[in-house]
Amino acid sequence: QVQLVESGGGLVQPGRSLTLACAASGSIFSFNLMGWYRQAPGEQRELVAFITSGGTTKYATSVKGRFTISRDSAKNTVYLQMNNLEPEDTAVYYCTARTLVLPGKIDYWGQGTQVTVSS
């Protein structure tokens, strides 16, 4: 059973930084990609960033240049470094991992961690 455990959320002032961590129960290289989604109240869940097993990264336009996704294979952990946070970044952030099982896929999700950006 795959488990993803997020940590690092909290309350932060606009312009400050926060780092989220997602610890996986197994090797992160067992997944084809890992990433972060977020969901604000009343909004749909949206992709923030992902990183593939080969190291390719992709970001939502709204966070490009401010957020960085990275990984530490020794710790089986993926990180989301968030800089210059804005109130619009307030949301529950979810870690996700995907395994391709052709012809389909299996997605795993963490429980979510709240990020609130407010003065």
N, C-alpha and C. Protein backbone atom coordinates (compact mmCIF):
# COMPACT_ATOMS: atom_id res chain seq x y z
N GLN A 1 0.84 -1.19 0.00
CA GLN A 1 0.00 0.00 0.00
C GLN A 1 0.88 1.25 0.00
N VAL A 2 0.73 2.06 -1.01
CA VAL A 2 1.52 3.28 -1.12
C VAL A 2 0.95 4.34 -0.20
N GLN A 3 1.83 5.00 0.52
CA GLN A 3 1.42 6.12 1.35
C GLN A 3 2.25 7.34 1.01
N LEU A 4 1.56 8.47 0.91
CA LEU A 4 2.20 9.76 0.68
C LEU A 4 1.82 10.66 1.85
N VAL A 5 2.82 11.20 2.52
CA VAL A 5 2.56 12.01 3.70
C VAL A 5 3.15 13.39 3.48
N GLU A 6 2.27 14.40 3.44
CA GLU A 6 2.72 15.78 3.24
C GLU A 6 3.02 16.44 4.58
N SER A 7 3.89 17.41 4.54
CA SER A 7 4.19 18.23 5.72
C SER A 7 4.69 19.58 5.24
N GLY A 8 4.70 20.54 6.17
CA GLY A 8 5.28 21.84 5.87
C GLY A 8 4.30 22.96 5.63
N GLY A 9 3.02 22.66 5.63
CA GLY A 9 2.04 23.72 5.42
C GLY A 9 1.95 24.63 6.63
N GLY A 10 1.21 25.73 6.46
CA GLY A 10 1.04 26.65 7.57
C GLY A 10 0.57 28.00 7.10
N LEU A 11 0.64 28.95 8.03
CA LEU A 11 0.26 30.33 7.77
C LEU A 11 1.52 31.15 7.51
N VAL A 12 1.51 31.90 6.43
CA VAL A 12 2.68 32.69 6.08
C VAL A 12 2.23 34.02 5.49
N GLN A 13 3.03 35.04 5.67
CA GLN A 13 2.69 36.36 5.15
C GLN A 13 3.01 36.46 3.65
N PRO A 14 2.32 37.30 2.94
CA PRO A 14 2.63 37.49 1.51
C PRO A 14 4.09 37.88 1.31
N GLY A 15 4.68 37.32 0.26
CA GLY A 15 6.07 37.60 -0.04
C GLY A 15 7.06 36.66 0.63
N ARG A 16 6.58 35.89 1.60
CA ARG A 16 7.47 34.95 2.29
C ARG A 16 7.52 33.61 1.58
N SER A 17 8.31 32.71 2.15
CA SER A 17 8.53 31.40 1.54
C SER A 17 8.07 30.27 2.44
N LEU A 18 7.83 29.13 1.82
CA LEU A 18 7.41 27.93 2.54
C LEU A 18 7.85 26.74 1.71
N THR A 19 8.25 25.66 2.38
CA THR A 19 8.63 24.45 1.67
C THR A 19 7.74 23.30 2.12
N LEU A 20 7.10 22.66 1.17
CA LEU A 20 6.31 21.47 1.45
C LEU A 20 7.14 20.23 1.15
N ALA A 21 6.89 19.18 1.92
CA ALA A 21 7.57 17.91 1.70
C ALA A 21 6.53 16.80 1.56
N CYS A 22 6.84 15.84 0.72
CA CYS A 22 5.97 14.68 0.53
C CYS A 22 6.84 13.43 0.64
N ALA A 23 6.63 12.70 1.71
CA ALA A 23 7.40 11.48 1.95
C ALA A 23 6.62 10.27 1.45
N ALA A 24 7.25 9.49 0.58
CA ALA A 24 6.60 8.30 0.04
C ALA A 24 7.03 7.06 0.82
N SER A 25 6.15 6.07 0.85
CA SER A 25 6.44 4.86 1.63
C SER A 25 7.42 3.94 0.92
N GLY A 26 7.69 4.19 -0.37
CA GLY A 26 8.66 3.40 -1.10
C GLY A 26 9.55 4.29 -1.93
N SER A 27 10.32 3.68 -2.79
CA SER A 27 11.22 4.46 -3.64
C SER A 27 10.43 5.37 -4.57
N ILE A 28 10.83 6.64 -4.63
CA ILE A 28 10.11 7.58 -5.50
C ILE A 28 10.35 7.24 -6.96
N PHE A 29 11.38 6.46 -7.25
CA PHE A 29 11.65 6.11 -8.64
C PHE A 29 10.74 4.96 -9.10
N SER A 30 9.95 4.42 -8.18
CA SER A 30 8.95 3.43 -8.59
C SER A 30 7.75 4.10 -9.25
N PHE A 31 7.69 5.43 -9.15
CA PHE A 31 6.61 6.18 -9.77
C PHE A 31 7.10 6.82 -11.07
N ASN A 32 6.23 6.91 -12.03
CA ASN A 32 6.58 7.56 -13.29
C ASN A 32 6.66 9.07 -13.12
N LEU A 33 5.85 9.60 -12.23
CA LEU A 33 5.97 11.00 -11.89
C LEU A 33 5.37 11.27 -10.53
N MET A 34 5.82 12.35 -9.93
CA MET A 34 5.25 12.82 -8.67
C MET A 34 5.01 14.31 -8.80
N GLY A 35 4.02 14.77 -8.07
CA GLY A 35 3.71 16.19 -8.22
C GLY A 35 2.86 16.73 -7.10
N TRP A 36 2.48 17.97 -7.29
CA TRP A 36 1.65 18.68 -6.32
C TRP A 36 0.45 19.29 -7.04
N TYR A 37 -0.70 19.13 -6.42
CA TYR A 37 -1.93 19.80 -6.82
C TYR A 37 -2.35 20.68 -5.67
N ARG A 38 -3.25 21.60 -5.94
CA ARG A 38 -3.83 22.41 -4.87
C ARG A 38 -5.30 22.65 -5.15
N GLN A 39 -6.02 22.89 -4.08
CA GLN A 39 -7.45 23.15 -4.20
C GLN A 39 -7.84 24.24 -3.22
N ALA A 40 -8.29 25.35 -3.76
CA ALA A 40 -8.78 26.46 -2.95
C ALA A 40 -10.28 26.26 -2.71
N PRO A 41 -10.82 26.88 -1.66
CA PRO A 41 -12.25 26.73 -1.37
C PRO A 41 -13.10 27.13 -2.57
N GLY A 42 -14.03 26.26 -2.94
CA GLY A 42 -14.93 26.56 -4.05
C GLY A 42 -14.33 26.40 -5.42
N GLU A 43 -13.07 25.96 -5.47
CA GLU A 43 -12.40 25.82 -6.75
C GLU A 43 -12.09 24.35 -7.04
N GLN A 44 -11.79 24.08 -8.30
CA GLN A 44 -11.38 22.73 -8.67
C GLN A 44 -9.91 22.52 -8.31
N ARG A 45 -9.57 21.27 -8.12
CA ARG A 45 -8.17 20.94 -7.87
C ARG A 45 -7.37 21.22 -9.13
N GLU A 46 -6.21 21.86 -8.96
CA GLU A 46 -5.40 22.21 -10.11
C GLU A 46 -3.95 21.76 -9.93
N LEU A 47 -3.33 21.44 -11.05
CA LEU A 47 -1.93 21.03 -11.02
C LEU A 47 -1.04 22.23 -10.70
N VAL A 48 -0.11 22.03 -9.80
CA VAL A 48 0.87 23.06 -9.47
C VAL A 48 2.21 22.76 -10.16
N ALA A 49 2.70 21.55 -9.96
CA ALA A 49 3.99 21.17 -10.54
C ALA A 49 4.14 19.66 -10.48
N PHE A 50 4.95 19.11 -11.41
CA PHE A 50 5.29 17.71 -11.30
C PHE A 50 6.71 17.49 -11.77
N ILE A 51 7.25 16.34 -11.38
CA ILE A 51 8.58 15.93 -11.80
C ILE A 51 8.51 14.47 -12.21
N THR A 52 9.08 14.15 -13.36
CA THR A 52 9.04 12.78 -13.84
C THR A 52 10.22 11.99 -13.27
N SER A 53 10.17 10.68 -13.46
CA SER A 53 11.26 9.84 -12.97
C SER A 53 12.57 10.20 -13.67
N GLY A 54 12.47 10.77 -14.87
CA GLY A 54 13.66 11.20 -15.59
C GLY A 54 14.14 12.58 -15.22
N GLY A 55 13.39 13.26 -14.36
CA GLY A 55 13.82 14.57 -13.88
C GLY A 55 13.19 15.76 -14.60
N THR A 56 12.33 15.51 -15.56
CA THR A 56 11.65 16.61 -16.23
C THR A 56 10.63 17.25 -15.30
N THR A 57 10.60 18.57 -15.29
CA THR A 57 9.66 19.28 -14.43
C THR A 57 8.72 20.13 -15.26
N LYS A 58 7.56 20.38 -14.69
CA LYS A 58 6.56 21.23 -15.34
C LYS A 58 5.81 21.98 -14.27
N TYR A 59 5.48 23.25 -14.57
CA TYR A 59 4.82 24.11 -13.59
C TYR A 59 3.58 24.76 -14.19
N ALA A 60 2.63 25.04 -13.32
CA ALA A 60 1.50 25.85 -13.73
C ALA A 60 2.02 27.26 -14.01
N THR A 61 1.39 27.93 -14.94
CA THR A 61 1.82 29.28 -15.31
C THR A 61 1.81 30.22 -14.12
N SER A 62 0.84 30.05 -13.24
CA SER A 62 0.68 30.95 -12.10
C SER A 62 1.81 30.85 -11.07
N VAL A 63 2.57 29.75 -11.10
CA VAL A 63 3.63 29.59 -10.10
C VAL A 63 5.02 29.55 -10.72
N LYS A 64 5.09 29.57 -12.04
CA LYS A 64 6.38 29.48 -12.71
C LYS A 64 7.27 30.64 -12.29
N GLY A 65 8.51 30.32 -11.93
CA GLY A 65 9.44 31.34 -11.47
C GLY A 65 9.39 31.58 -9.98
N ARG A 66 8.35 31.09 -9.31
CA ARG A 66 8.24 31.27 -7.86
C ARG A 66 8.35 29.94 -7.11
N PHE A 67 7.86 28.88 -7.70
CA PHE A 67 7.88 27.56 -7.06
C PHE A 67 8.90 26.66 -7.75
N THR A 68 9.49 25.77 -6.96
CA THR A 68 10.44 24.80 -7.50
C THR A 68 10.15 23.43 -6.91
N ILE A 69 9.99 22.44 -7.77
CA ILE A 69 9.81 21.07 -7.32
C ILE A 69 11.14 20.35 -7.41
N SER A 70 11.43 19.55 -6.39
CA SER A 70 12.69 18.81 -6.37
C SER A 70 12.47 17.50 -5.62
N ARG A 71 13.50 16.67 -5.62
CA ARG A 71 13.36 15.38 -4.95
C ARG A 71 14.68 14.98 -4.30
N ASP A 72 14.54 14.15 -3.29
CA ASP A 72 15.69 13.55 -2.60
C ASP A 72 15.43 12.05 -2.58
N SER A 73 16.08 11.33 -3.47
CA SER A 73 15.80 9.90 -3.60
C SER A 73 16.23 9.13 -2.35
N ALA A 74 17.24 9.62 -1.66
CA ALA A 74 17.70 8.93 -0.45
C ALA A 74 16.65 8.98 0.65
N LYS A 75 15.83 10.02 0.62
CA LYS A 75 14.79 10.18 1.63
C LYS A 75 13.41 9.83 1.09
N ASN A 76 13.36 9.41 -0.19
CA ASN A 76 12.06 9.11 -0.83
C ASN A 76 11.09 10.27 -0.65
N THR A 77 11.58 11.46 -0.86
CA THR A 77 10.80 12.67 -0.59
C THR A 77 10.86 13.62 -1.78
N VAL A 78 9.71 14.23 -2.06
CA VAL A 78 9.61 15.27 -3.06
C VAL A 78 9.26 16.57 -2.35
N TYR A 79 9.85 17.66 -2.79
CA TYR A 79 9.65 18.95 -2.14
C TYR A 79 9.01 19.95 -3.10
N LEU A 80 8.35 20.93 -2.50
CA LEU A 80 7.86 22.06 -3.27
C LEU A 80 8.30 23.32 -2.53
N GLN A 81 9.30 23.97 -3.08
CA GLN A 81 9.78 25.23 -2.53
C GLN A 81 8.93 26.34 -3.10
N MET A 82 8.28 27.10 -2.23
CA MET A 82 7.37 28.16 -2.68
C MET A 82 7.91 29.49 -2.19
N ASN A 83 8.27 30.34 -3.12
CA ASN A 83 8.81 31.66 -2.81
C ASN A 83 7.83 32.75 -3.23
N ASN A 84 8.00 33.91 -2.62
CA ASN A 84 7.18 35.07 -2.97
C ASN A 84 5.69 34.70 -3.00
N LEU A 85 5.25 34.11 -1.92
CA LEU A 85 3.87 33.62 -1.86
C LEU A 85 2.87 34.77 -1.93
N GLU A 86 1.74 34.47 -2.55
CA GLU A 86 0.67 35.44 -2.73
C GLU A 86 -0.60 34.90 -2.08
N PRO A 87 -1.52 35.79 -1.69
CA PRO A 87 -2.78 35.31 -1.11
C PRO A 87 -3.50 34.30 -2.01
N GLU A 88 -3.32 34.45 -3.32
CA GLU A 88 -3.96 33.53 -4.26
C GLU A 88 -3.38 32.12 -4.20
N ASP A 89 -2.27 31.95 -3.52
CA ASP A 89 -1.69 30.62 -3.34
C ASP A 89 -2.33 29.85 -2.19
N THR A 90 -3.22 30.50 -1.46
CA THR A 90 -3.89 29.85 -0.35
C THR A 90 -4.73 28.68 -0.86
N ALA A 91 -4.48 27.51 -0.31
CA ALA A 91 -5.18 26.30 -0.75
C ALA A 91 -4.72 25.12 0.09
N VAL A 92 -5.40 24.01 -0.08
CA VAL A 92 -4.89 22.74 0.43
C VAL A 92 -4.02 22.14 -0.67
N TYR A 93 -2.80 21.79 -0.32
CA TYR A 93 -1.85 21.25 -1.30
C TYR A 93 -1.77 19.74 -1.11
N TYR A 94 -1.91 19.03 -2.23
CA TYR A 94 -1.91 17.57 -2.22
C TYR A 94 -0.72 17.04 -3.01
N CYS A 95 -0.07 16.07 -2.43
CA CYS A 95 0.99 15.35 -3.13
C CYS A 95 0.36 14.21 -3.91
N THR A 96 0.88 13.94 -5.09
CA THR A 96 0.37 12.84 -5.89
C THR A 96 1.52 12.09 -6.54
N ALA A 97 1.29 10.83 -6.78
CA ALA A 97 2.27 9.98 -7.46
C ALA A 97 1.53 9.12 -8.47
N ARG A 98 2.13 8.94 -9.62
CA ARG A 98 1.47 8.17 -10.69
C ARG A 98 2.37 7.02 -11.15
N THR A 99 1.74 5.88 -11.28
CA THR A 99 2.40 4.72 -11.86
C THR A 99 1.64 4.31 -13.11
N LEU A 100 2.36 4.20 -14.21
CA LEU A 100 1.72 3.77 -15.44
C LEU A 100 1.61 2.26 -15.44
N VAL A 101 0.38 1.79 -15.58
CA VAL A 101 0.11 0.36 -15.69
C VAL A 101 -0.67 0.20 -16.99
N LEU A 102 0.09 0.07 -18.05
CA LEU A 102 -0.53 0.10 -19.38
C LEU A 102 -1.63 -0.94 -19.50
N PRO A 103 -2.77 -0.54 -20.11
CA PRO A 103 -3.00 0.72 -20.80
C PRO A 103 -3.47 1.85 -19.91
N GLY A 104 -3.47 1.66 -18.61
CA GLY A 104 -3.99 2.69 -17.71
C GLY A 104 -2.92 3.24 -16.79
N LYS A 105 -3.37 3.73 -15.65
CA LYS A 105 -2.48 4.33 -14.67
C LYS A 105 -3.10 4.21 -13.30
N ILE A 106 -2.25 4.33 -12.29
CA ILE A 106 -2.71 4.36 -10.91
C ILE A 106 -2.19 5.64 -10.29
N ASP A 107 -3.08 6.41 -9.71
CA ASP A 107 -2.71 7.64 -9.02
C ASP A 107 -2.88 7.47 -7.51
N TYR A 108 -1.90 7.92 -6.79
CA TYR A 108 -1.94 7.91 -5.33
C TYR A 108 -1.97 9.36 -4.84
N TRP A 109 -2.62 9.56 -3.69
CA TRP A 109 -2.77 10.92 -3.16
C TRP A 109 -2.44 10.94 -1.68
N GLY A 110 -1.86 12.06 -1.26
CA GLY A 110 -1.68 12.30 0.15
C GLY A 110 -2.94 12.91 0.74
N GLN A 111 -2.88 13.18 2.04
CA GLN A 111 -4.07 13.68 2.73
C GLN A 111 -4.23 15.19 2.58
N GLY A 112 -3.20 15.86 2.13
CA GLY A 112 -3.26 17.31 1.94
C GLY A 112 -2.70 18.08 3.11
N THR A 113 -2.16 19.26 2.81
CA THR A 113 -1.65 20.15 3.85
C THR A 113 -2.09 21.57 3.50
N GLN A 114 -2.56 22.28 4.50
CA GLN A 114 -3.12 23.62 4.28
C GLN A 114 -2.00 24.66 4.21
N VAL A 115 -2.09 25.50 3.19
CA VAL A 115 -1.20 26.66 3.07
C VAL A 115 -2.09 27.90 3.05
N THR A 116 -1.85 28.80 3.97
CA THR A 116 -2.61 30.04 4.04
C THR A 116 -1.64 31.21 3.95
N VAL A 117 -1.88 32.06 2.96
CA VAL A 117 -1.03 33.24 2.77
C VAL A 117 -1.86 34.47 3.11
N SER A 118 -1.50 35.10 4.20
CA SER A 118 -2.30 36.22 4.68
C SER A 118 -1.45 37.10 5.57
N SER A 119 -1.74 38.40 5.54
CA SER A 119 -1.06 39.32 6.43
C SER A 119 -1.82 39.47 7.74
